Protein backbone atom coordinates (compact mmCIF):
# COMPACT_ATOMS: atom_id res chain seq x y z
CA GLY A 1 -12.82 6.65 -0.77
CA PRO A 2 -9.38 7.50 -2.16
CA VAL A 3 -7.50 5.91 0.78
CA ALA A 4 -9.33 2.58 0.47
CA GLU A 5 -8.85 2.65 -3.32
CA THR A 6 -5.11 3.30 -2.90
CA PHE A 7 -4.78 0.31 -0.56
CA ARG A 8 -6.82 -1.84 -2.95
CA VAL A 9 -4.35 -1.01 -5.72
CA ILE A 10 -1.37 -1.66 -3.41
CA GLN A 11 -2.86 -5.03 -2.37
CA GLY A 12 -3.25 -5.94 -6.04
CA ALA A 13 0.37 -4.99 -6.76
CA VAL A 14 1.93 -6.97 -3.89
CA THR A 15 3.81 -10.03 -5.16
CA GLU A 16 5.86 -12.74 -3.47
CA GLU A 17 8.92 -11.13 -5.06
CA TYR A 18 8.26 -7.82 -3.30
CA VAL A 19 7.64 -9.64 -0.03
CA ARG A 20 10.94 -11.54 -0.36
CA SER A 21 12.93 -8.44 -1.29
CA THR A 22 11.34 -6.01 1.18
CA ARG A 23 10.70 -8.01 4.36
CA GLY A 24 9.04 -5.07 6.09
CA VAL A 25 5.71 -4.15 7.65
CA PHE A 26 4.49 -0.57 7.37
CA GLN A 27 1.73 0.93 9.49
CA PHE A 28 0.09 4.23 8.59
CA GLU A 29 -1.76 6.41 11.07
CA LEU A 30 -3.81 8.60 8.77
CA SER A 31 -5.77 11.68 9.79
CA GLY A 32 -8.62 13.26 7.87
CA ASP A 33 -11.01 11.77 5.33
CA GLY A 34 -10.71 7.96 5.18
CA GLY A 35 -8.14 8.05 7.97
CA GLY A 36 -7.42 5.56 10.70
CA THR A 37 -4.89 2.76 10.95
CA TRP A 38 -3.86 1.08 7.68
CA TYR A 39 -0.98 -1.25 6.86
CA ILE A 40 1.15 -2.81 4.14
CA ASP A 41 2.62 -6.19 5.14
CA LEU A 42 5.61 -7.12 2.98
CA LYS A 43 6.94 -9.68 5.45
CA THR A 44 4.27 -12.36 5.91
CA GLU A 45 4.04 -14.91 3.08
CA GLY A 46 1.83 -13.60 0.30
CA GLY A 47 1.85 -10.06 1.66
CA SER A 48 -1.24 -8.00 2.32
CA ALA A 49 -2.48 -4.45 2.72
CA GLY A 50 -5.59 -2.91 4.17
CA PHE A 51 -7.44 -1.30 7.04
CA GLY A 52 -6.54 -1.96 10.66
CA LYS A 53 -3.42 -3.08 12.46
CA PRO A 54 -0.98 -5.29 10.55
CA PRO A 55 -1.06 -9.05 11.33
CA VAL A 56 2.46 -8.77 12.75
CA THR A 57 4.23 -5.91 14.54
CA ALA A 58 5.06 -3.02 12.19
CA ASP A 59 8.71 -2.21 11.46
CA VAL A 60 7.78 1.35 10.50
CA VAL A 61 4.88 3.50 11.68
CA MET A 62 4.13 6.67 9.72
CA SER A 63 1.66 9.39 10.65
CA MET A 64 0.33 11.73 7.98
CA SER A 65 -2.88 13.12 6.55
CA SER A 66 -4.87 10.81 4.30
CA ALA A 67 -4.58 13.40 1.49
CA ASP A 68 -0.76 13.36 1.72
CA PHE A 69 -0.75 9.55 1.80
CA VAL A 70 -2.89 9.28 -1.34
CA LYS A 71 -0.75 11.86 -3.16
CA MET A 72 2.51 10.17 -2.12
CA PHE A 73 1.34 6.72 -3.23
CA THR A 74 -0.37 7.88 -6.42
CA ASP A 75 2.96 9.39 -7.53
CA LYS A 76 4.90 6.30 -6.39
CA LEU A 77 2.43 3.88 -8.01
CA LYS A 78 2.68 5.67 -11.35
CA LEU A 79 6.45 5.23 -11.18
CA PHE A 80 6.09 1.64 -9.94
CA MET A 81 3.63 0.71 -12.69
CA ALA A 82 5.88 2.21 -15.37
CA PHE A 83 8.53 -0.37 -14.44
CA MET A 84 6.22 -3.31 -13.82
CA PRO A 85 6.73 -6.04 -16.39
CA GLU A 86 3.07 -7.14 -16.49
CA ASN A 87 1.03 -3.97 -16.92
CA SER A 88 -1.71 -6.17 -18.34
CA SER A 89 -2.53 -7.46 -14.83
CA ILE A 90 -3.83 -4.05 -13.72
CA LYS A 91 -7.60 -3.69 -13.71
CA GLY A 92 -9.60 -0.54 -13.13
CA ASP A 93 -8.77 3.13 -13.08
CA MET A 94 -5.35 3.80 -11.57
CA MET A 95 -6.33 7.36 -10.71
């Protein structure tokens, strides 16, 4: 679904540089279609994102609908990708 696809794209965009500069773990409690607990770990070496609880305690926990999450990140990712130096590393349909 759209939530899983969004996290797949986020996982693919996570770099050591972002992990070093962010040093944060974000947990999302999503309601609705594709909801549940999801996370983005920008603290642990290598970084990761996906379904379930983060591997370490979250610094930030956000609750929202899955539709709002997808919309928020789709907008952010478009902006993020526009400034990414290596657009060639993106595979698949960003939408």
